[in-house]
């Protein structure tokens, strides 16, 4: 399909806008996928809040140039799709990790997180990252733990006194 210059500019602007606000990206080789499989993958991506785009490599290079994903320019060769995550880097990695199980033809070429190009083998590590809600829950529990321990420590002498008094009372009632 031949794209006109105006169409190319629109595509580059759209991808550049997404790349400017995204926190993670993955370049994946999709050779060997059927149209139905690619449609299902796109549907899964939409449901998990991931932006997925099949784009020409020259246009992708122009779109990501000047962003934290410019390190991807080295690996943009062959038929690839770019996937971006705005909120949760783990969602993107989990989506592709599950897709790799379902579609053996998919091959992750590169993963970018925080402006750093990661090895495709790191996909499992990124997929295991907690979601935002899980991270906040963990943070709250870490903040709450010392306070809970302090309250328990302060209350323990009184609890021991109450238990000792109850034991003496029980012994007097038996005798």
N, C-alpha and C. Protein backbone atom coordinates (compact mmCIF):
# COMPACT_ATOMS: atom_id res chain seq x y z
N UNK A 1 0.84 -1.18 0.00
CA UNK A 1 0.00 0.00 0.00
C UNK A 1 0.89 1.24 0.00
N UNK A 2 0.63 2.13 -0.92
CA UNK A 2 1.41 3.35 -1.04
C UNK A 2 0.77 4.41 -0.16
N UNK A 3 1.60 4.99 0.70
CA UNK A 3 1.11 6.06 1.58
C UNK A 3 1.51 7.41 1.01
N UNK A 4 0.60 8.34 1.08
CA UNK A 4 0.91 9.70 0.66
C UNK A 4 1.66 10.39 1.79
N UNK A 5 2.32 11.45 1.47
CA UNK A 5 3.12 12.18 2.45
C UNK A 5 2.27 12.65 3.63
N UNK A 6 1.05 13.09 3.35
CA UNK A 6 0.18 13.56 4.43
C UNK A 6 -0.18 12.41 5.38
N UNK A 7 -0.42 11.24 4.80
CA UNK A 7 -0.74 10.06 5.62
C UNK A 7 0.45 9.68 6.50
N UNK A 8 1.64 9.74 5.94
CA UNK A 8 2.85 9.42 6.69
C UNK A 8 3.04 10.38 7.84
N UNK A 9 2.79 11.65 7.59
CA UNK A 9 2.93 12.66 8.64
C UNK A 9 1.94 12.42 9.78
N UNK A 10 0.73 12.02 9.43
CA UNK A 10 -0.29 11.73 10.44
C UNK A 10 0.14 10.53 11.29
N UNK A 11 0.64 9.49 10.64
CA UNK A 11 1.08 8.29 11.36
C UNK A 11 2.25 8.62 12.29
N UNK A 12 3.22 9.36 11.77
CA UNK A 12 4.38 9.74 12.59
C UNK A 12 3.94 10.59 13.78
N UNK A 13 3.05 11.54 13.56
CA UNK A 13 2.57 12.39 14.65
C UNK A 13 1.83 11.58 15.71
N UNK A 14 1.01 10.63 15.26
CA UNK A 14 0.25 9.80 16.20
C UNK A 14 1.19 8.95 17.07
N UNK A 15 2.15 8.29 16.44
CA UNK A 15 3.08 7.45 17.19
C UNK A 15 3.99 8.30 18.07
N UNK A 16 4.40 9.46 17.58
CA UNK A 16 5.25 10.35 18.38
C UNK A 16 4.51 10.84 19.63
N UNK A 17 3.24 11.12 19.49
CA UNK A 17 2.44 11.57 20.64
C UNK A 17 2.34 10.46 21.69
N UNK A 18 2.10 9.24 21.25
CA UNK A 18 2.02 8.10 22.17
C UNK A 18 3.38 7.87 22.82
N UNK A 19 4.44 7.91 22.03
CA UNK A 19 5.79 7.66 22.55
C UNK A 19 6.21 8.72 23.56
N UNK A 20 5.75 9.94 23.38
CA UNK A 20 6.11 11.02 24.30
C UNK A 20 5.53 10.81 25.69
N UNK A 21 4.38 10.14 25.76
CA UNK A 21 3.73 9.97 27.06
C UNK A 21 3.85 8.54 27.61
N UNK A 22 4.46 7.63 26.85
CA UNK A 22 4.56 6.24 27.28
C UNK A 22 5.74 6.04 28.23
N UNK A 23 5.67 4.96 29.02
CA UNK A 23 6.76 4.65 29.94
C UNK A 23 7.52 3.39 29.56
N UNK A 24 6.93 2.59 28.66
CA UNK A 24 7.59 1.36 28.21
C UNK A 24 7.21 1.08 26.77
N UNK A 25 8.12 0.42 26.06
CA UNK A 25 7.85 0.05 24.67
C UNK A 25 8.53 -1.28 24.36
N UNK A 26 7.92 -2.00 23.45
CA UNK A 26 8.49 -3.27 23.00
C UNK A 26 8.36 -3.34 21.49
N UNK A 27 9.46 -3.72 20.83
CA UNK A 27 9.45 -3.97 19.39
C UNK A 27 9.42 -5.47 19.20
N UNK A 28 8.45 -5.95 18.43
CA UNK A 28 8.24 -7.39 18.27
C UNK A 28 8.10 -7.77 16.81
N UNK A 29 8.79 -8.83 16.44
CA UNK A 29 8.71 -9.38 15.09
C UNK A 29 7.46 -10.25 15.02
N UNK A 30 6.59 -9.95 14.06
CA UNK A 30 5.32 -10.66 13.98
C UNK A 30 5.23 -11.59 12.77
N UNK A 31 6.34 -11.88 12.13
CA UNK A 31 6.32 -12.76 10.95
C UNK A 31 5.70 -14.11 11.30
N UNK A 32 4.84 -14.59 10.44
CA UNK A 32 4.23 -15.90 10.65
C UNK A 32 2.87 -15.84 11.33
N UNK A 33 2.46 -14.67 11.82
CA UNK A 33 1.13 -14.58 12.44
C UNK A 33 0.07 -14.43 11.36
N UNK A 34 -1.05 -15.05 11.59
CA UNK A 34 -2.17 -14.89 10.66
C UNK A 34 -2.90 -13.59 10.99
N UNK A 35 -3.76 -13.19 10.09
CA UNK A 35 -4.54 -11.97 10.31
C UNK A 35 -5.43 -12.13 11.54
N UNK A 36 -6.01 -13.29 11.72
CA UNK A 36 -6.88 -13.54 12.88
C UNK A 36 -6.09 -13.45 14.18
N UNK A 37 -4.89 -14.00 14.18
CA UNK A 37 -4.05 -13.94 15.39
C UNK A 37 -3.64 -12.50 15.69
N UNK A 38 -3.31 -11.74 14.66
CA UNK A 38 -2.92 -10.35 14.87
C UNK A 38 -4.12 -9.53 15.36
N UNK A 39 -5.30 -9.81 14.85
CA UNK A 39 -6.50 -9.12 15.30
C UNK A 39 -6.79 -9.43 16.76
N UNK A 40 -6.62 -10.69 17.14
CA UNK A 40 -6.83 -11.07 18.54
C UNK A 40 -5.80 -10.39 19.44
N UNK A 41 -4.57 -10.31 19.00
CA UNK A 41 -3.52 -9.65 19.78
C UNK A 41 -3.84 -8.16 19.95
N UNK A 42 -4.31 -7.53 18.90
CA UNK A 42 -4.70 -6.11 19.00
C UNK A 42 -5.85 -5.93 19.98
N UNK A 43 -6.79 -6.85 19.96
CA UNK A 43 -7.93 -6.79 20.88
C UNK A 43 -7.46 -6.92 22.32
N UNK A 44 -6.58 -7.87 22.56
CA UNK A 44 -6.01 -8.03 23.91
C UNK A 44 -5.26 -6.78 24.35
N UNK A 45 -4.54 -6.18 23.42
CA UNK A 45 -3.77 -4.97 23.73
C UNK A 45 -4.70 -3.83 24.15
N UNK A 46 -5.78 -3.65 23.40
CA UNK A 46 -6.74 -2.59 23.75
C UNK A 46 -7.32 -2.81 25.13
N UNK A 47 -7.65 -4.06 25.45
CA UNK A 47 -8.25 -4.38 26.75
C UNK A 47 -7.29 -4.11 27.90
N UNK A 48 -6.00 -4.29 27.67
CA UNK A 48 -5.02 -4.08 28.75
C UNK A 48 -4.40 -2.69 28.73
N UNK A 49 -4.91 -1.80 27.87
CA UNK A 49 -4.44 -0.42 27.85
C UNK A 49 -3.10 -0.24 27.16
N UNK A 50 -2.81 -1.10 26.21
CA UNK A 50 -1.55 -1.05 25.47
C UNK A 50 -1.83 -0.55 24.06
N UNK A 51 -1.00 0.37 23.58
CA UNK A 51 -1.10 0.88 22.21
C UNK A 51 -0.20 0.02 21.34
N UNK A 52 -0.77 -0.61 20.32
CA UNK A 52 -0.02 -1.50 19.45
C UNK A 52 -0.17 -0.99 18.02
N UNK A 53 0.96 -0.85 17.31
CA UNK A 53 0.91 -0.29 15.97
C UNK A 53 1.93 -0.98 15.08
N UNK A 54 1.47 -1.47 13.93
CA UNK A 54 2.37 -1.95 12.89
C UNK A 54 2.70 -0.73 12.05
N UNK A 55 3.97 -0.42 11.96
CA UNK A 55 4.39 0.81 11.30
C UNK A 55 5.69 0.55 10.55
N UNK A 56 5.89 1.23 9.46
CA UNK A 56 7.13 1.09 8.72
C UNK A 56 8.29 1.57 9.60
N UNK A 57 9.41 0.91 9.44
CA UNK A 57 10.56 1.22 10.29
C UNK A 57 11.06 2.65 10.11
N UNK A 58 11.05 3.16 8.89
CA UNK A 58 11.51 4.54 8.67
C UNK A 58 10.60 5.53 9.38
N UNK A 59 9.29 5.27 9.33
CA UNK A 59 8.34 6.15 10.02
C UNK A 59 8.46 6.00 11.53
N UNK A 60 8.70 4.78 11.99
CA UNK A 60 8.87 4.56 13.42
C UNK A 60 10.10 5.29 13.94
N UNK A 61 11.18 5.26 13.18
CA UNK A 61 12.41 5.96 13.59
C UNK A 61 12.15 7.46 13.72
N UNK A 62 11.40 8.02 12.78
CA UNK A 62 11.08 9.45 12.84
C UNK A 62 10.18 9.74 14.03
N UNK A 63 9.26 8.84 14.33
CA UNK A 63 8.31 9.06 15.42
C UNK A 63 8.98 8.99 16.79
N UNK A 64 9.91 8.08 16.97
CA UNK A 64 10.52 7.91 18.29
C UNK A 64 11.80 8.73 18.47
N UNK A 65 12.23 9.37 17.39
CA UNK A 65 13.45 10.20 17.49
C UNK A 65 13.19 11.35 18.47
N UNK A 66 14.11 11.51 19.39
CA UNK A 66 13.98 12.59 20.38
C UNK A 66 13.18 12.20 21.61
N UNK A 67 12.70 10.97 21.68
CA UNK A 67 11.98 10.50 22.86
C UNK A 67 12.89 9.57 23.65
N UNK A 68 12.39 9.08 24.75
CA UNK A 68 13.18 8.13 25.54
C UNK A 68 13.29 6.77 24.87
N UNK A 69 12.60 6.60 23.75
CA UNK A 69 12.62 5.34 23.02
C UNK A 69 13.50 5.39 21.78
N UNK A 70 14.30 6.45 21.65
CA UNK A 70 15.15 6.57 20.46
C UNK A 70 16.21 5.47 20.41
N UNK A 71 16.47 4.81 21.52
CA UNK A 71 17.42 3.69 21.51
C UNK A 71 16.88 2.50 20.73
N UNK A 72 15.60 2.49 20.42
CA UNK A 72 15.00 1.42 19.62
C UNK A 72 15.39 1.50 18.15
N UNK A 73 15.87 2.66 17.70
CA UNK A 73 16.17 2.86 16.29
C UNK A 73 17.15 1.82 15.76
N UNK A 74 18.03 1.32 16.63
CA UNK A 74 19.04 0.34 16.20
C UNK A 74 18.41 -1.00 15.81
N UNK A 75 17.31 -1.37 16.44
CA UNK A 75 16.73 -2.69 16.23
C UNK A 75 15.55 -2.69 15.27
N UNK A 76 15.19 -1.55 14.74
CA UNK A 76 14.04 -1.47 13.85
C UNK A 76 14.41 -1.94 12.44
N UNK A 77 14.42 -3.24 12.26
CA UNK A 77 14.66 -3.83 10.94
C UNK A 77 13.69 -4.98 10.77
N UNK A 78 13.19 -5.12 9.57
CA UNK A 78 12.25 -6.19 9.29
C UNK A 78 10.85 -5.83 9.75
N UNK A 79 9.91 -6.74 9.55
CA UNK A 79 8.52 -6.47 9.93
C UNK A 79 8.36 -6.51 11.45
N UNK A 80 8.04 -5.37 12.01
CA UNK A 80 7.89 -5.24 13.46
C UNK A 80 6.60 -4.50 13.78
N UNK A 81 6.11 -4.73 14.97
CA UNK A 81 5.10 -3.82 15.51
C UNK A 81 5.66 -3.24 16.80
N UNK A 82 5.25 -2.02 17.07
CA UNK A 82 5.65 -1.35 18.30
C UNK A 82 4.46 -1.36 19.25
N UNK A 83 4.74 -1.63 20.50
CA UNK A 83 3.70 -1.62 21.53
C UNK A 83 4.17 -0.68 22.63
N UNK A 84 3.30 0.23 23.04
CA UNK A 84 3.62 1.22 24.07
C UNK A 84 2.64 1.08 25.23
N UNK A 85 3.15 1.31 26.43
CA UNK A 85 2.31 1.31 27.62
C UNK A 85 2.45 2.67 28.31
N UNK A 86 1.32 3.30 28.58
CA UNK A 86 1.34 4.62 29.21
C UNK A 86 1.38 4.54 30.72
N UNK A 87 0.69 3.57 31.31
CA UNK A 87 0.53 3.54 32.75
C UNK A 87 1.34 2.46 33.44
N UNK A 88 1.26 1.26 32.95
CA UNK A 88 1.83 0.11 33.64
C UNK A 88 2.80 -0.64 32.72
N UNK A 89 4.10 -0.56 32.98
CA UNK A 89 5.04 -1.28 32.12
C UNK A 89 4.86 -2.79 32.19
N UNK A 90 4.38 -3.26 33.32
CA UNK A 90 4.15 -4.68 33.48
C UNK A 90 3.01 -5.18 32.62
N UNK A 91 2.01 -4.34 32.35
CA UNK A 91 0.88 -4.75 31.52
C UNK A 91 1.34 -5.08 30.12
N UNK A 92 2.20 -4.27 29.58
CA UNK A 92 2.75 -4.51 28.24
C UNK A 92 3.55 -5.80 28.22
N UNK A 93 4.40 -5.98 29.20
CA UNK A 93 5.23 -7.19 29.25
C UNK A 93 4.37 -8.43 29.48
N UNK A 94 3.35 -8.33 30.35
CA UNK A 94 2.47 -9.48 30.59
C UNK A 94 1.70 -9.84 29.32
N UNK A 95 1.24 -8.83 28.59
CA UNK A 95 0.51 -9.08 27.34
C UNK A 95 1.39 -9.86 26.37
N UNK A 96 2.62 -9.42 26.17
CA UNK A 96 3.49 -10.10 25.21
C UNK A 96 3.99 -11.44 25.73
N UNK A 97 4.16 -11.55 27.04
CA UNK A 97 4.57 -12.84 27.60
C UNK A 97 3.50 -13.89 27.34
N UNK A 98 2.23 -13.52 27.55
CA UNK A 98 1.13 -14.44 27.26
C UNK A 98 1.00 -14.70 25.76
N UNK A 99 1.22 -13.68 24.95
CA UNK A 99 1.14 -13.84 23.50
C UNK A 99 2.24 -14.76 22.99
N UNK A 100 3.41 -14.70 23.60
CA UNK A 100 4.52 -15.58 23.20
C UNK A 100 4.17 -17.04 23.46
N UNK A 101 3.39 -17.28 24.51
CA UNK A 101 2.95 -18.65 24.80
C UNK A 101 1.95 -19.12 23.74
N UNK A 102 1.06 -18.21 23.33
CA UNK A 102 0.01 -18.57 22.39
C UNK A 102 0.50 -18.62 20.94
N UNK A 103 1.40 -17.71 20.59
CA UNK A 103 1.87 -17.60 19.21
C UNK A 103 3.39 -17.79 19.17
N UNK A 104 3.80 -18.95 18.74
CA UNK A 104 5.23 -19.28 18.76
C UNK A 104 6.02 -18.48 17.72
N UNK A 105 5.34 -17.86 16.76
CA UNK A 105 6.04 -17.09 15.73
C UNK A 105 6.48 -15.71 16.21
N UNK A 106 5.90 -15.21 17.28
CA UNK A 106 6.29 -13.89 17.80
C UNK A 106 7.70 -13.95 18.38
N UNK A 107 8.46 -12.88 18.13
CA UNK A 107 9.80 -12.78 18.71
C UNK A 107 10.01 -11.34 19.17
N UNK A 108 10.26 -11.18 20.46
CA UNK A 108 10.52 -9.85 21.00
C UNK A 108 11.93 -9.45 20.60
N UNK A 109 12.06 -8.31 19.94
CA UNK A 109 13.37 -7.84 19.49
C UNK A 109 14.03 -6.96 20.54
N UNK A 110 13.23 -6.08 21.15
CA UNK A 110 13.80 -5.15 22.11
C UNK A 110 12.72 -4.67 23.07
N UNK A 111 13.18 -4.28 24.23
CA UNK A 111 12.31 -3.80 25.29
C UNK A 111 12.95 -2.54 25.85
N UNK A 112 12.17 -1.47 25.96
CA UNK A 112 12.68 -0.22 26.52
C UNK A 112 11.84 0.14 27.73
N UNK A 113 12.54 0.39 28.83
CA UNK A 113 11.88 0.79 30.07
C UNK A 113 12.72 1.88 30.70
N UNK A 114 12.12 3.01 30.94
CA UNK A 114 12.83 4.12 31.55
C UNK A 114 13.96 4.65 30.68
N UNK A 115 13.81 4.57 29.37
CA UNK A 115 14.82 5.09 28.47
C UNK A 115 16.01 4.16 28.27
N UNK A 116 15.97 2.98 28.85
CA UNK A 116 17.07 2.02 28.71
C UNK A 116 16.62 0.85 27.86
N UNK A 117 17.48 0.48 26.92
CA UNK A 117 17.22 -0.67 26.06
C UNK A 117 17.58 -1.93 26.83
N UNK A 118 16.59 -2.80 27.01
CA UNK A 118 16.79 -4.04 27.75
C UNK A 118 16.81 -5.22 26.80
N UNK A 119 17.43 -6.28 27.25
CA UNK A 119 17.48 -7.51 26.48
C UNK A 119 16.09 -8.14 26.45
N UNK A 120 15.71 -8.78 25.35
CA UNK A 120 14.40 -9.44 25.31
C UNK A 120 14.21 -10.50 26.39
N UNK A 121 15.31 -11.02 26.93
CA UNK A 121 15.22 -12.01 27.99
C UNK A 121 14.67 -11.40 29.29
N UNK A 122 14.74 -10.07 29.40
CA UNK A 122 14.25 -9.38 30.60
C UNK A 122 12.74 -9.20 30.59
N UNK A 123 12.08 -9.72 29.59
CA UNK A 123 10.63 -9.58 29.49
C UNK A 123 9.94 -10.19 30.71
N UNK A 124 10.42 -11.35 31.17
CA UNK A 124 9.81 -11.99 32.34
C UNK A 124 9.96 -11.13 33.59
N UNK A 125 11.11 -10.50 33.75
CA UNK A 125 11.33 -9.65 34.93
C UNK A 125 10.38 -8.46 34.92
N UNK A 126 10.20 -7.85 33.76
CA UNK A 126 9.30 -6.70 33.66
C UNK A 126 7.85 -7.15 33.84
N UNK A 127 7.52 -8.33 33.33
CA UNK A 127 6.15 -8.85 33.48
C UNK A 127 5.83 -9.14 34.94
N UNK A 128 6.84 -9.43 35.73
CA UNK A 128 6.63 -9.73 37.15
C UNK A 128 6.54 -8.47 38.02
N UNK A 129 6.73 -7.30 37.42
CA UNK A 129 6.59 -6.06 38.19
C UNK A 129 5.16 -5.93 38.70
N UNK A 130 4.99 -5.41 39.90
CA UNK A 130 3.62 -5.26 40.41
C UNK A 130 2.87 -4.15 39.67
N UNK A 131 1.56 -4.26 39.67
CA UNK A 131 0.74 -3.20 39.10
C UNK A 131 0.81 -1.99 40.03
N UNK A 132 0.25 -0.89 39.61
CA UNK A 132 0.29 0.33 40.42
C UNK A 132 -0.42 0.10 41.76
N UNK A 133 -1.56 -0.55 41.72
CA UNK A 133 -2.32 -0.81 42.95
C UNK A 133 -1.54 -1.73 43.89
N UNK A 134 -0.92 -2.76 43.33
CA UNK A 134 -0.13 -3.67 44.15
C UNK A 134 1.06 -2.95 44.78
N UNK A 135 1.71 -2.08 44.01
CA UNK A 135 2.85 -1.34 44.53
C UNK A 135 2.43 -0.38 45.65
N UNK A 136 1.29 0.27 45.47
CA UNK A 136 0.80 1.18 46.51
C UNK A 136 0.42 0.42 47.77
N UNK A 137 -0.19 -0.74 47.60
CA UNK A 137 -0.55 -1.58 48.75
C UNK A 137 0.71 -2.01 49.50
N UNK A 138 1.72 -2.41 48.77
CA UNK A 138 2.99 -2.81 49.38
C UNK A 138 3.63 -1.63 50.11
N UNK A 139 3.60 -0.46 49.51
CA UNK A 139 4.17 0.73 50.14
C UNK A 139 3.44 1.07 51.44
N UNK A 140 2.12 1.01 51.42
CA UNK A 140 1.34 1.32 52.62
C UNK A 140 1.64 0.30 53.72
N UNK A 141 1.77 -0.97 53.36
CA UNK A 141 2.06 -1.98 54.39
C UNK A 141 3.46 -1.79 54.97
N UNK A 142 4.40 -1.36 54.15
CA UNK A 142 5.76 -1.11 54.65
C UNK A 142 5.76 0.10 55.58
N UNK A 143 4.99 1.12 55.24
CA UNK A 143 4.90 2.31 56.09
C UNK A 143 4.17 1.98 57.39
N UNK A 144 3.15 1.15 57.31
CA UNK A 144 2.31 0.83 58.45
C UNK A 144 2.97 -0.13 59.44
N UNK A 145 3.87 -0.98 58.97
CA UNK A 145 4.46 -2.03 59.82
C UNK A 145 5.17 -1.48 61.07
N UNK A 146 6.03 -0.48 60.99
CA UNK A 146 6.68 0.01 62.21
C UNK A 146 5.68 0.58 63.23
N UNK A 147 4.66 1.25 62.74
CA UNK A 147 3.66 1.81 63.65
C UNK A 147 2.89 0.70 64.35
N UNK A 148 2.55 -0.34 63.61
CA UNK A 148 1.83 -1.47 64.20
C UNK A 148 2.69 -2.15 65.26
N UNK A 149 3.97 -2.33 64.96
CA UNK A 149 4.88 -2.95 65.94
C UNK A 149 5.00 -2.09 67.19
N UNK A 150 5.07 -0.78 67.02
CA UNK A 150 5.18 0.13 68.17
C UNK A 150 3.94 0.02 69.05
N UNK A 151 2.77 0.01 68.44
CA UNK A 151 1.53 -0.08 69.22
C UNK A 151 1.47 -1.41 69.97
N UNK A 152 1.85 -2.49 69.29
CA UNK A 152 1.85 -3.80 69.96
C UNK A 152 2.85 -3.82 71.11
N UNK A 153 4.02 -3.23 70.92
CA UNK A 153 5.04 -3.21 71.96
C UNK A 153 4.57 -2.40 73.16
N UNK A 154 3.92 -1.27 72.90
CA UNK A 154 3.43 -0.43 73.99
C UNK A 154 2.26 -1.09 74.73
N UNK A 155 1.45 -1.85 74.03
CA UNK A 155 0.29 -2.48 74.65
C UNK A 155 0.63 -3.79 75.36
N UNK A 156 1.75 -4.40 75.05
CA UNK A 156 2.08 -5.72 75.59
C UNK A 156 2.21 -5.75 77.12
N UNK A 157 2.87 -4.79 77.78
CA UNK A 157 2.95 -4.87 79.25
C UNK A 157 1.56 -4.89 79.91
N UNK A 158 0.64 -4.10 79.38
CA UNK A 158 -0.71 -4.07 79.94
C UNK A 158 -1.43 -5.39 79.66
N UNK A 159 -1.20 -5.95 78.49
CA UNK A 159 -1.81 -7.24 78.16
C UNK A 159 -1.25 -8.34 79.06
N UNK A 160 0.05 -8.29 79.34
CA UNK A 160 0.65 -9.28 80.24
C UNK A 160 0.07 -9.14 81.65
N UNK A 161 -0.09 -7.90 82.12
CA UNK A 161 -0.69 -7.65 83.43
C UNK A 161 -2.11 -8.20 83.48
N UNK A 162 -2.87 -7.98 82.43
CA UNK A 162 -4.25 -8.48 82.39
C UNK A 162 -4.27 -10.00 82.39
N UNK A 163 -3.37 -10.63 81.63
CA UNK A 163 -3.32 -12.10 81.60
C UNK A 163 -2.89 -12.66 82.97
N UNK A 164 -1.91 -12.00 83.62
CA UNK A 164 -1.45 -12.46 84.94
C UNK A 164 -2.57 -12.31 85.97
N UNK A 165 -3.29 -11.21 85.94
CA UNK A 165 -4.40 -10.99 86.87
C UNK A 165 -5.50 -12.02 86.65
N UNK A 166 -5.79 -12.31 85.40
CA UNK A 166 -6.82 -13.31 85.09
C UNK A 166 -6.38 -14.69 85.56
N UNK A 167 -5.10 -14.99 85.44
CA UNK A 167 -4.60 -16.30 85.90
C UNK A 167 -4.70 -16.41 87.41
N UNK A 168 -4.34 -15.33 88.14
CA UNK A 168 -4.45 -15.33 89.60
C UNK A 168 -5.91 -15.48 90.01
N UNK A 169 -6.81 -14.78 89.33
CA UNK A 169 -8.24 -14.88 89.63
C UNK A 169 -8.73 -16.31 89.44
N UNK A 170 -8.32 -16.94 88.32
CA UNK A 170 -8.73 -18.32 88.04
C UNK A 170 -8.19 -19.28 89.12
N UNK A 171 -6.96 -19.05 89.58
CA UNK A 171 -6.37 -19.91 90.62
C UNK A 171 -7.12 -19.75 91.94
N UNK A 172 -7.53 -18.52 92.25
CA UNK A 172 -8.26 -18.28 93.51
C UNK A 172 -9.66 -18.89 93.46
N UNK A 173 -10.26 -18.87 92.25
CA UNK A 173 -11.60 -19.46 92.13
C UNK A 173 -11.53 -20.98 92.27
N UNK A 174 -10.46 -21.59 91.81
CA UNK A 174 -10.30 -23.05 91.91
C UNK A 174 -10.05 -23.43 93.38
N UNK A 175 -9.27 -22.62 94.10
CA UNK A 175 -8.90 -22.97 95.47
C UNK A 175 -9.93 -22.63 96.47
